[in-house]
Every structure is written in C-alpha cells, then in structure tokens.
Amino acid sequence: MSMKNRPVKVSDALREYLKGAGLEERLEEAAVLPEWADRVGPAIAAVTEPLRTSAAGVLVVAVRSSAWLSELKLMEREIIRRLNEGRARGRIQRIRFVMADQS
C-alpha cells in the first residue's frame, strides 16, 4: 500500500483540507465567539453579542446602547488583548462594534 492510499483519521484529513483551502485561520478566529463572555467578563457580555468574524481578523459585535458602544470603542485594545491571550493563530486584529437591532 502506498503512502498516498494509507488510512488517515478524519480529523487529520479535515485539518489538511481546511489548511489547503485557507480556512484554518478563519476557524481559529471564529473560535473566539463561544469564548466571548469568559474573556470579556459578565458586565460587557451582558450588553453585547459577538456576531461573526469577517475577513482579516475583524470581529463584529452588537452592542445594546450607544453609551456602551462609545465606551467599548475606547476599550477595544484591552478587549482584543483579552481575546488573543494564549492564541498563536486566528488572532483578532480589530473589533467593529455595531448597534444591536432593538426590535
């Protein structure tokens, strides 16, 4: 049996596919979404909702009030530091805060 036809773990095959397709980094970035509340703390988590990551490490976060939106923009560097702590890959470069849909 040649090396090319040898059995591989599905997880290894998927990892290689994602890497080859350029999606591995995007998945690492998206991993921050379920970690949001733990990394930013309960006060910020209570008034925000991480929505998605977009190209080039931009995290889009909905905020419930304009006062909080202004405050969080001032805290962006610190929040990014918390989000990236311990991450070698898939680091967040910027946060785009948007007003949450009030309906």
PDB file of N, CA and C in Angstrom:
ATOM      1  N   MET A   1       0.848  -1.179   0.000  1.00  0.00           N
ATOM      2  CA  MET A   1       0.000   0.000   0.000  1.00  0.00           C
ATOM      3  C   MET A   1       0.894   1.243   0.000  1.00  0.00           C
ATOM      4  N   SER A   2       0.644   2.129  -0.903  1.00  0.00           N
ATOM      5  CA  SER A   2       1.449   3.350  -0.967  1.00  0.00           C
ATOM      6  C   SER A   2       1.043   4.302   0.147  1.00  0.00           C
ATOM      7  N   MET A   3       1.911   5.251   0.433  1.00  0.00           N
ATOM      8  CA  MET A   3       1.635   6.248   1.474  1.00  0.00           C
ATOM      9  C   MET A   3       0.387   7.061   1.122  1.00  0.00           C
ATOM     10  N   LYS A   4       0.165   7.260  -0.173  1.00  0.00           N
ATOM     11  CA  LYS A   4      -0.966   8.066  -0.614  1.00  0.00           C
ATOM     12  C   LYS A   4      -2.301   7.404  -0.276  1.00  0.00           C
ATOM     13  N   ASN A   5      -2.346   6.095  -0.250  1.00  0.00           N
ATOM     14  CA  ASN A   5      -3.589   5.366  -0.020  1.00  0.00           C
ATOM     15  C   ASN A   5      -3.752   4.872   1.414  1.00  0.00           C
ATOM     16  N   ARG A   6      -2.856   5.229   2.280  1.00  0.00           N
ATOM     17  CA  ARG A   6      -2.949   4.733   3.652  1.00  0.00           C
ATOM     18  C   ARG A   6      -4.103   5.414   4.384  1.00  0.00           C
ATOM     19  N   PRO A   7      -4.738   4.704   5.307  1.00  0.00           N
ATOM     20  CA  PRO A   7      -5.852   5.310   6.067  1.00  0.00           C
ATOM     21  C   PRO A   7      -5.361   6.474   6.933  1.00  0.00           C
ATOM     22  N   VAL A   8      -6.199   7.486   7.043  1.00  0.00           N
ATOM     23  CA  VAL A   8      -5.889   8.625   7.912  1.00  0.00           C
ATOM     24  C   VAL A   8      -7.119   8.934   8.760  1.00  0.00           C
ATOM     25  N   LYS A   9      -6.888   9.562   9.886  1.00  0.00           N
ATOM     26  CA  LYS A   9      -8.002   9.983  10.729  1.00  0.00           C
ATOM     27  C   LYS A   9      -8.797  11.067  10.004  1.00  0.00           C
ATOM     28  N   VAL A  10     -10.096  11.043  10.191  1.00  0.00           N
ATOM     29  CA  VAL A  10     -10.958  12.056   9.577  1.00  0.00           C
ATOM     30  C   VAL A  10     -10.540  13.445  10.044  1.00  0.00           C
ATOM     31  N   SER A  11     -10.224  13.580  11.332  1.00  0.00           N
ATOM     32  CA  SER A  11      -9.831  14.896  11.855  1.00  0.00           C
ATOM     33  C   SER A  11      -8.562  15.406  11.174  1.00  0.00           C
ATOM     34  N   ASP A  12      -7.615  14.498  10.903  1.00  0.00           N
ATOM     35  CA  ASP A  12      -6.384  14.908  10.216  1.00  0.00           C
ATOM     36  C   ASP A  12      -6.674  15.301   8.770  1.00  0.00           C
ATOM     37  N   ALA A  13      -7.536  14.523   8.098  1.00  0.00           N
ATOM     38  CA  ALA A  13      -7.892  14.829   6.716  1.00  0.00           C
ATOM     39  C   ALA A  13      -8.613  16.169   6.633  1.00  0.00           C
ATOM     40  N   LEU A  14      -9.529  16.410   7.565  1.00  0.00           N
ATOM     41  CA  LEU A  14     -10.264  17.669   7.585  1.00  0.00           C
ATOM     42  C   LEU A  14      -9.331  18.841   7.848  1.00  0.00           C
ATOM     43  N   ARG A  15      -8.427  18.678   8.803  1.00  0.00           N
ATOM     44  CA  ARG A  15      -7.464  19.739   9.117  1.00  0.00           C
ATOM     45  C   ARG A  15      -6.627  20.084   7.886  1.00  0.00           C
ATOM     46  N   GLU A  16      -6.165  19.059   7.165  1.00  0.00           N
ATOM     47  CA  GLU A  16      -5.366  19.297   5.959  1.00  0.00           C
ATOM     48  C   GLU A  16      -6.181  19.993   4.874  1.00  0.00           C
ATOM     49  N   TYR A  17      -7.442  19.575   4.727  1.00  0.00           N
ATOM     50  CA  TYR A  17      -8.310  20.205   3.738  1.00  0.00           C
ATOM     51  C   TYR A  17      -8.512  21.686   4.076  1.00  0.00           C
ATOM     52  N   LEU A  18      -8.846  21.970   5.337  1.00  0.00           N
ATOM     53  CA  LEU A  18      -9.074  23.358   5.752  1.00  0.00           C
ATOM     54  C   LEU A  18      -7.833  24.208   5.558  1.00  0.00           C
ATOM     55  N   LYS A  19      -6.688  23.625   5.883  1.00  0.00           N
ATOM     56  CA  LYS A  19      -5.423  24.337   5.715  1.00  0.00           C
ATOM     57  C   LYS A  19      -5.186  24.649   4.241  1.00  0.00           C
ATOM     58  N   GLY A  20      -5.394  23.644   3.385  1.00  0.00           N
ATOM     59  CA  GLY A  20      -5.196  23.822   1.952  1.00  0.00           C
ATOM     60  C   GLY A  20      -6.170  24.818   1.346  1.00  0.00           C
ATOM     61  N   ALA A  21      -7.381  24.873   1.891  1.00  0.00           N
ATOM     62  CA  ALA A  21      -8.401  25.782   1.376  1.00  0.00           C
ATOM     63  C   ALA A  21      -8.278  27.179   1.980  1.00  0.00           C
ATOM     64  N   GLY A  22      -7.336  27.362   2.897  1.00  0.00           N
ATOM     65  CA  GLY A  22      -7.155  28.667   3.519  1.00  0.00           C
ATOM     66  C   GLY A  22      -8.200  28.991   4.573  1.00  0.00           C
ATOM     67  N   LEU A  23      -8.901  27.987   5.080  1.00  0.00           N
ATOM     68  CA  LEU A  23      -9.976  28.219   6.040  1.00  0.00           C
ATOM     69  C   LEU A  23      -9.560  27.974   7.492  1.00  0.00           C
ATOM     70  N   GLU A  24      -8.419  27.377   7.693  1.00  0.00           N
ATOM     71  CA  GLU A  24      -7.984  27.050   9.050  1.00  0.00           C
ATOM     72  C   GLU A  24      -7.884  28.291   9.938  1.00  0.00           C
ATOM     73  N   GLU A  25      -7.315  29.349   9.416  1.00  0.00           N
ATOM     74  CA  GLU A  25      -7.163  30.597  10.170  1.00  0.00           C
ATOM     75  C   GLU A  25      -8.531  31.192  10.509  1.00  0.00           C
ATOM     76  N   ARG A  26      -9.463  31.127   9.556  1.00  0.00           N
ATOM     77  CA  ARG A  26     -10.815  31.663   9.785  1.00  0.00           C
ATOM     78  C   ARG A  26     -11.528  30.895  10.891  1.00  0.00           C
ATOM     79  N   LEU A  27     -11.345  29.580  10.936  1.00  0.00           N
ATOM     80  CA  LEU A  27     -11.961  28.791  12.002  1.00  0.00           C
ATOM     81  C   LEU A  27     -11.387  29.168  13.360  1.00  0.00           C
ATOM     82  N   GLU A  28     -10.093  29.407  13.406  1.00  0.00           N
ATOM     83  CA  GLU A  28      -9.453  29.832  14.656  1.00  0.00           C
ATOM     84  C   GLU A  28     -10.020  31.174  15.111  1.00  0.00           C
ATOM     85  N   GLU A  29     -10.221  32.089  14.169  1.00  0.00           N
ATOM     86  CA  GLU A  29     -10.802  33.388  14.510  1.00  0.00           C
ATOM     87  C   GLU A  29     -12.212  33.216  15.059  1.00  0.00           C
ATOM     88  N   ALA A  30     -13.011  32.369  14.401  1.00  0.00           N
ATOM     89  CA  ALA A  30     -14.402  32.158  14.813  1.00  0.00           C
ATOM     90  C   ALA A  30     -14.500  31.486  16.183  1.00  0.00           C
ATOM     91  N   ALA A  31     -13.456  30.806  16.607  1.00  0.00           N
ATOM     92  CA  ALA A  31     -13.458  30.129  17.911  1.00  0.00           C
ATOM     93  C   ALA A  31     -13.610  31.122  19.058  1.00  0.00           C
ATOM     94  N   VAL A  32     -13.370  32.399  18.808  1.00  0.00           N
ATOM     95  CA  VAL A  32     -13.495  33.412  19.849  1.00  0.00           C
ATOM     96  C   VAL A  32     -14.963  33.653  20.218  1.00  0.00           C
ATOM     97  N   LEU A  33     -15.894  33.367  19.317  1.00  0.00           N
ATOM     98  CA  LEU A  33     -17.310  33.652  19.581  1.00  0.00           C
ATOM     99  C   LEU A  33     -17.831  32.948  20.837  1.00  0.00           C
ATOM    100  N   PRO A  34     -17.655  31.632  20.977  1.00  0.00           N
ATOM    101  CA  PRO A  34     -18.161  30.993  22.192  1.00  0.00           C
ATOM    102  C   PRO A  34     -17.362  31.355  23.451  1.00  0.00           C
ATOM    103  N   GLU A  35     -16.180  31.917  23.283  1.00  0.00           N
ATOM    104  CA  GLU A  35     -15.335  32.303  24.422  1.00  0.00           C
ATOM    105  C   GLU A  35     -15.581  33.739  24.870  1.00  0.00           C
ATOM    106  N   TRP A  36     -16.370  34.490  24.122  1.00  0.00           N
ATOM    107  CA  TRP A  36     -16.559  35.919  24.347  1.00  0.00           C
ATOM    108  C   TRP A  36     -16.840  36.261  25.809  1.00  0.00           C
ATOM    109  N   ALA A  37     -17.893  35.672  26.381  1.00  0.00           N
ATOM    110  CA  ALA A  37     -18.308  36.024  27.752  1.00  0.00           C
ATOM    111  C   ALA A  37     -17.202  35.755  28.766  1.00  0.00           C
ATOM    112  N   ASP A  38     -16.509  34.643  28.626  1.00  0.00           N
ATOM    113  CA  ASP A  38     -15.425  34.316  29.556  1.00  0.00           C
ATOM    114  C   ASP A  38     -14.259  35.283  29.441  1.00  0.00           C
ATOM    115  N   ARG A  39     -14.000  35.733  28.239  1.00  0.00           N
ATOM    116  CA  ARG A  39     -12.831  36.585  28.025  1.00  0.00           C
ATOM    117  C   ARG A  39     -13.080  38.060  28.325  1.00  0.00           C
ATOM    118  N   VAL A  40     -14.333  38.528  28.144  1.00  0.00           N
ATOM    119  CA  VAL A  40     -14.599  39.957  28.371  1.00  0.00           C
ATOM    120  C   VAL A  40     -15.226  40.234  29.728  1.00  0.00           C
ATOM    121  N   GLY A  41     -15.740  39.214  30.385  1.00  0.00           N
ATOM    122  CA  GLY A  41     -16.356  39.393  31.699  1.00  0.00           C
ATOM    123  C   GLY A  41     -17.857  39.616  31.610  1.00  0.00           C
ATOM    124  N   PRO A  42     -18.548  39.444  32.753  1.00  0.00           N
ATOM    125  CA  PRO A  42     -20.009  39.481  32.759  1.00  0.00           C
ATOM    126  C   PRO A  42     -20.627  40.839  32.432  1.00  0.00           C
ATOM    127  N   ALA A  43     -19.998  41.931  32.826  1.00  0.00           N
ATOM    128  CA  ALA A  43     -20.574  43.256  32.572  1.00  0.00           C
ATOM    129  C   ALA A  43     -20.644  43.538  31.069  1.00  0.00           C
ATOM    130  N   ILE A  44     -19.549  43.301  30.372  1.00  0.00           N
ATOM    131  CA  ILE A  44     -19.523  43.535  28.923  1.00  0.00           C
ATOM    132  C   ILE A  44     -20.379  42.497  28.209  1.00  0.00           C
ATOM    133  N   ALA A  45     -20.305  41.252  28.637  1.00  0.00           N
ATOM    134  CA  ALA A  45     -21.079  40.188  28.000  1.00  0.00           C
ATOM    135  C   ALA A  45     -22.579  40.452  28.096  1.00  0.00           C
ATOM    136  N   ALA A  46     -23.018  41.099  29.168  1.00  0.00           N
ATOM    137  CA  ALA A  46     -24.443  41.368  29.374  1.00  0.00           C
ATOM    138  C   ALA A  46     -25.013  42.372  28.377  1.00  0.00           C
ATOM    139  N   VAL A  47     -24.165  43.212  27.797  1.00  0.00           N
ATOM    140  CA  VAL A  47     -24.657  44.266  26.896  1.00  0.00           C
ATOM    141  C   VAL A  47     -24.170  44.094  25.455  1.00  0.00           C
ATOM    142  N   THR A  48     -23.551  42.959  25.174  1.00  0.00           N
ATOM    143  CA  THR A  48     -23.006  42.726  23.836  1.00  0.00           C
ATOM    144  C   THR A  48     -23.359  41.331  23.342  1.00  0.00           C
ATOM    145  N   GLU A  49     -23.207  41.156  22.042  1.00  0.00           N
ATOM    146  CA  GLU A  49     -23.341  39.833  21.436  1.00  0.00           C
ATOM    147  C   GLU A  49     -22.367  39.750  20.264  1.00  0.00           C
ATOM    148  N   PRO A  50     -21.385  38.855  20.350  1.00  0.00           N
ATOM    149  CA  PRO A  50     -20.488  38.702  19.208  1.00  0.00           C
ATOM    150  C   PRO A  50     -21.262  38.061  18.060  1.00  0.00           C
ATOM    151  N   LEU A  51     -21.191  38.650  16.879  1.00  0.00           N
ATOM    152  CA  LEU A  51     -21.996  38.174  15.754  1.00  0.00           C
ATOM    153  C   LEU A  51     -21.227  37.260  14.813  1.00  0.00           C
ATOM    154  N   ARG A  52     -20.023  37.688  14.432  1.00  0.00           N
ATOM    155  CA  ARG A  52     -19.263  36.913  13.451  1.00  0.00           C
ATOM    156  C   ARG A  52     -17.861  37.489  13.342  1.00  0.00           C
ATOM    157  N   THR A  53     -16.994  36.713  12.724  1.00  0.00           N
ATOM    158  CA  THR A  53     -15.699  37.240  12.321  1.00  0.00           C
ATOM    159  C   THR A  53     -15.763  37.442  10.817  1.00  0.00           C
ATOM    160  N   SER A  54     -15.089  38.453  10.347  1.00  0.00           N
ATOM    161  CA  SER A  54     -15.041  38.686   8.911  1.00  0.00           C
ATOM    162  C   SER A  54     -13.584  38.694   8.483  1.00  0.00           C
ATOM    163  N   ALA A  55     -13.350  38.978   7.255  1.00  0.00           N
ATOM    164  CA  ALA A  55     -12.005  38.912   6.692  1.00  0.00           C
ATOM    165  C   ALA A  55     -10.984  39.683   7.523  1.00  0.00           C
ATOM    166  N   ALA A  56      -9.794  39.168   7.520  1.00  0.00           N
ATOM    167  CA  ALA A  56      -8.641  39.829   8.148  1.00  0.00           C
ATOM    168  C   ALA A  56      -8.772  40.014   9.651  1.00  0.00           C
ATOM    169  N   GLY A  57      -9.426  39.073  10.332  1.00  0.00           N
ATOM    170  CA  GLY A  57      -9.456  39.107  11.786  1.00  0.00           C
ATOM    171  C   GLY A  57     -10.313  40.179  12.402  1.00  0.00           C
ATOM    172  N   VAL A  58     -11.385  40.581  11.738  1.00  0.00           N
ATOM    173  CA  VAL A  58     -12.291  41.587  12.278  1.00  0.00           C
ATOM    174  C   VAL A  58     -13.466  40.879  12.945  1.00  0.00           C
ATOM    175  N   LEU A  59     -13.689  41.183  14.213  1.00  0.00           N
ATOM    176  CA  LEU A  59     -14.803  40.629  14.968  1.00  0.00           C
ATOM    177  C   LEU A  59     -15.916  41.669  15.006  1.00  0.00           C
ATOM    178  N   VAL A  60     -17.134  41.265  14.621  1.00  0.00           N
ATOM    179  CA  VAL A  60     -18.287  42.163  14.635  1.00  0.00           C
ATOM    180  C   VAL A  60     -19.101  41.856  15.890  1.00  0.00           C
ATOM    181  N   VAL A  61     -19.349  42.888  16.697  1.00  0.00           N
ATOM    182  CA  VAL A  61     -20.034  42.729  17.977  1.00  0.00           C
ATOM    183  C   VAL A  61     -21.202  43.707  18.056  1.00  0.00           C
ATOM    184  N   ALA A  62     -22.390  43.176  18.353  1.00  0.00           N
ATOM    185  CA  ALA A  62     -23.570  44.023  18.543  1.00  0.00           C
ATOM    186  C   ALA A  62     -23.584  44.538  19.982  1.00  0.00           C
ATOM    187  N   VAL A  63     -23.944  45.810  20.140  1.00  0.00           N
ATOM    188  CA  VAL A  63     -23.963  46.462  21.453  1.00  0.00           C
ATOM    189  C   VAL A  63     -25.364  47.041  21.672  1.00  0.00           C
ATOM    190  N   ARG A  64     -25.877  46.920  22.906  1.00  0.00           N
ATOM    191  CA  ARG A  64     -27.264  47.303  23.197  1.00  0.00           C
ATOM    192  C   ARG A  64     -27.531  48.787  23.343  1.00  0.00           C
ATOM    193  N   SER A  65     -26.521  49.609  23.616  1.00  0.00           N
ATOM    194  CA  SER A  65     -26.774  51.045  23.776  1.00  0.00           C
ATOM    195  C   SER A  65     -25.619  51.850  23.193  1.00  0.00           C
ATOM    196  N   SER A  66     -25.933  53.072  22.812  1.00  0.00           N
ATOM    197  CA  SER A  66     -24.896  53.932  22.237  1.00  0.00           C
ATOM    198  C   SER A  66     -23.844  54.312  23.292  1.00  0.00           C
ATOM    199  N   ALA A  67     -24.273  54.432  24.543  1.00  0.00           N
ATOM    200  CA  ALA A  67     -23.307  54.739  25.605  1.00  0.00           C
ATOM    201  C   ALA A  67     -22.275  53.613  25.728  1.00  0.00           C
ATOM    202  N   TRP A  68     -22.760  52.377  25.747  1.00  0.00           N
ATOM    203  CA  TRP A  68     -21.849  51.229  25.817  1.00  0.00           C
ATOM    204  C   TRP A  68     -20.995  51.150  24.555  1.00  0.00           C
ATOM    205  N   LEU A  69     -21.570  51.451  23.408  1.00  0.00           N
ATOM    206  CA  LEU A  69     -20.814  51.396  22.164  1.00  0.00           C
ATOM    207  C   LEU A  69     -19.619  52.344  22.239  1.00  0.00           C
ATOM    208  N   SER A  70     -19.846  53.542  22.709  1.00  0.00           N
ATOM    209  CA  SER A  70     -18.756  54.515  22.862  1.00  0.00           C
ATOM    210  C   SER A  70     -17.698  54.023  23.845  1.00  0.00           C
ATOM    211  N   GLU A  71     -18.153  53.509  24.966  1.00  0.00           N
ATOM    212  CA  GLU A  71     -17.233  53.000  25.991  1.00  0.00           C
ATOM    213  C   GLU A  71     -16.390  51.845  25.460  1.00  0.00           C
ATOM    214  N   LEU A  72     -17.035  50.922  24.766  1.00  0.00           N
ATOM    215  CA  LEU A  72     -16.328  49.748  24.252  1.00  0.00           C
ATOM    216  C   LEU A  72     -15.320  50.107  23.169  1.00  0.00           C
ATOM    217  N   LYS A  73     -15.621  51.125  22.378  1.00  0.00           N
ATOM    218  CA  LYS A  73     -14.653  51.580  21.376  1.00  0.00           C
ATOM    219  C   LYS A  73     -13.368  52.050  22.066  1.00  0.00           C
ATOM    220  N   LEU A  74     -13.531  52.712  23.213  1.00  0.00           N
ATOM    221  CA  LEU A  74     -12.360  53.162  23.974  1.00  0.00           C
ATOM    222  C   LEU A  74     -11.592  51.984  24.577  1.00  0.00           C
ATOM    223  N   MET A  75     -12.286  50.886  24.820  1.00  0.00           N
ATOM    224  CA  MET A  75     -11.682  49.700  25.439  1.00  0.00           C
ATOM    225  C   MET A  75     -11.218  48.663  24.420  1.00  0.00           C
ATOM    226  N   GLU A  76     -11.337  48.963  23.135  1.00  0.00           N
ATOM    227  CA  GLU A  76     -11.071  47.979  22.085  1.00  0.00           C
ATOM    228  C   GLU A  76      -9.711  47.297  22.233  1.00  0.00           C
ATOM    229  N   ARG A  77      -8.664  48.050  22.463  1.00  0.00           N
ATOM    230  CA  ARG A  77      -7.315  47.455  22.587  1.00  0.00           C
ATOM    231  C   ARG A  77      -7.245  46.429  23.709  1.00  0.00           C
ATOM    232  N   GLU A  78      -7.820  46.770  24.861  1.00  0.00           N
ATOM    233  CA  GLU A  78      -7.802  45.863  26.009  1.00  0.00           C
ATOM    234  C   GLU A  78      -8.631  44.613  25.718  1.00  0.00           C
ATOM    235  N   ILE A  79      -9.775  44.786  25.078  1.00  0.00           N
ATOM    236  CA  ILE A  79     -10.626  43.641  24.747  1.00  0.00           C
ATOM    237  C   ILE A  79      -9.905  42.725  23.761  1.00  0.00           C
ATOM    238  N   ILE A  80      -9.265  43.292  22.763  1.00  0.00           N
ATOM    239  CA  ILE A  80      -8.503  42.487  21.799  1.00  0.00           C
ATOM    240  C   ILE A  80      -7.389  41.724  22.512  1.00  0.00           C
ATOM    241  N   ARG A  81      -6.724  42.380  23.443  1.00  0.00           N
ATOM    242  CA  ARG A  81      -5.666  41.706  24.203  1.00  0.00           C
ATOM    243  C   ARG A  81      -6.233  40.487  24.930  1.00  0.00           C
ATOM    244  N   ARG A  82      -7.385  40.659  25.583  1.00  0.00           N
ATOM    245  CA  ARG A  82      -8.021  39.546  26.300  1.00  0.00           C
ATOM    246  C   ARG A  82      -8.417  38.417  25.350  1.00  0.00           C
ATOM    247  N   LEU A  83      -8.968  38.785  24.203  1.00  0.00           N
ATOM    248  CA  LEU A  83      -9.411  37.774  23.241  1.00  0.00           C
ATOM    249  C   LEU A  83      -8.242  36.987  22.667  1.00  0.00           C
ATOM    250  N   ASN A  84      -7.117  37.634  22.462  1.00  0.00           N
ATOM    251  CA  ASN A  84      -5.966  36.987  21.833  1.00  0.00           C
ATOM    252  C   ASN A  84      -5.029  36.299  22.816  1.00  0.00           C
ATOM    253  N   GLU A  85      -5.249  36.502  24.089  1.00  0.00           N
ATOM    254  CA  GLU A  85      -4.381  35.914  25.107  1.00  0.00           C
ATOM    255  C   GLU A  85      -4.298  34.400  24.932  1.00  0.00           C
ATOM    256  N   GLY A  86      -3.080  33.898  24.792  1.00  0.00           N
ATOM    257  CA  GLY A  86      -2.856  32.463  24.650  1.00  0.00           C
ATOM    258  C   GLY A  86      -3.108  31.910  23.252  1.00  0.00           C
ATOM    259  N   ARG A  87      -3.408  32.766  22.294  1.00  0.00           N
ATOM    260  CA  ARG A  87      -3.668  32.311  20.920  1.00  0.00           C
ATOM    261  C   ARG A  87      -2.464  32.602  20.032  1.00  0.00           C
ATOM    262  N   ALA A  88      -1.987  31.568  19.360  1.00  0.00           N
ATOM    263  CA  ALA A  88      -0.910  31.768  18.393  1.00  0.00           C
ATOM    264  C   ALA A  88      -1.486  32.036  17.009  1.00  0.00           C
ATOM    265  N   ARG A  89      -2.636  31.432  16.730  1.00  0.00           N
ATOM    266  CA  ARG A  89      -3.267  31.561  15.412  1.00  0.00           C
ATOM    267  C   ARG A  89      -4.669  32.124  15.572  1.00  0.00           C
ATOM    268  N   GLY A  90      -5.212  32.650  14.478  1.00  0.00           N
ATOM    269  CA  GLY A  90      -6.581  33.137  14.487  1.00  0.00           C
ATOM    270  C   GLY A  90      -6.801  34.312  15.413  1.00  0.00           C
ATOM    271  N   ARG A  91      -5.818  35.183  15.472  1.00  0.00           N
ATOM    272  CA  ARG A  91      -5.912  36.330  16.373  1.00  0.00           C
ATOM    273  C   ARG A  91      -6.836  37.398  15.803  1.00  0.00           C
ATOM    274  N   ILE A  92      -7.585  38.039  16.686  1.00  0.00           N
ATOM    275  CA  ILE A  92      -8.467  39.136  16.308  1.00  0.00           C
ATOM    276  C   ILE A  92      -7.612  40.389  16.155  1.00  0.00           C
ATOM    277  N   GLN A  93      -7.778  41.086  15.029  1.00  0.00           N
ATOM    278  CA  GLN A  93      -7.000  42.293  14.745  1.00  0.00           C
ATOM    279  C   GLN A  93      -7.761  43.560  15.097  1.00  0.00           C
ATOM    280  N   ARG A  94      -9.085  43.492  14.967  1.00  0.00           N
ATOM    281  CA  ARG A  94      -9.911  44.681  15.147  1.00  0.00           C
ATOM    282  C   ARG A  94     -11.311  44.254  15.544  1.00  0.00           C
ATOM    283  N   ILE A  95     -12.026  45.110  16.264  1.00  0.00           N
ATOM    284  CA  ILE A  95     -13.420  44.845  16.606  1.00  0.00           C
ATOM    285  C   ILE A  95     -14.264  45.954  15.986  1.00  0.00           C
ATOM    286  N   ARG A  96     -15.340  45.542  15.334  1.00  0.00           N
ATOM    287  CA  ARG A  96     -16.282  46.526  14.785  1.00  0.00           C
ATOM    288  C   ARG A  96     -17.544  46.428  15.635  1.00  0.00           C
ATOM    289  N   PHE A  97     -17.781  47.445  16.442  1.00  0.00           N
ATOM    290  CA  PHE A  97     -18.967  47.488  17.300  1.00  0.00           C
ATOM    291  C   PHE A  97     -20.103  48.109  16.507  1.00  0.00           C
ATOM    292  N   VAL A  98     -21.274  47.459  16.547  1.00  0.00           N
ATOM    293  CA  VAL A  98     -22.457  47.948  15.847  1.00  0.00           C
ATOM    294  C   VAL A  98     -23.621  47.967  16.825  1.00  0.00           C
ATOM    295  N   MET A  99     -24.594  48.839  16.558  1.00  0.00           N
ATOM    296  CA  MET A  99     -25.780  48.875  17.418  1.00  0.00           C
ATOM    297  C   MET A  99     -26.609  47.616  17.187  1.00  0.00           C
ATOM    298  N   ALA A 100     -27.054  47.023  18.288  1.00  0.00           N
ATOM    299  CA  ALA A 100     -27.909  45.830  18.207  1.00  0.00           C
ATOM    300  C   ALA A 100     -29.278  46.229  17.669  1.00  0.00           C
ATOM    301  N   ASP A 101     -29.904  45.302  16.987  1.00  0.00           N
ATOM    302  CA  ASP A 101     -31.265  45.516  16.491  1.00  0.00           C
ATOM    303  C   ASP A 101     -32.178  45.615  17.718  1.00  0.00           C
ATOM    304  N   GLN A 102     -32.880  46.698  17.863  1.00  0.00           N
ATOM    305  CA  GLN A 102     -33.692  46.941  19.039  1.00  0.00           C
ATOM    306  C   GLN A 102     -35.111  46.364  18.940  1.00  0.00           C
ATOM    307  N   SER A 103     -35.414  45.695  17.835  1.00  0.00           N
ATOM    308  CA  SER A 103     -36.787  45.178  17.652  1.00  0.00           C
ATOM    309  C   SER A 103     -37.042  43.900  18.412  1.00  0.00           C
TER     310      SER A 103
END
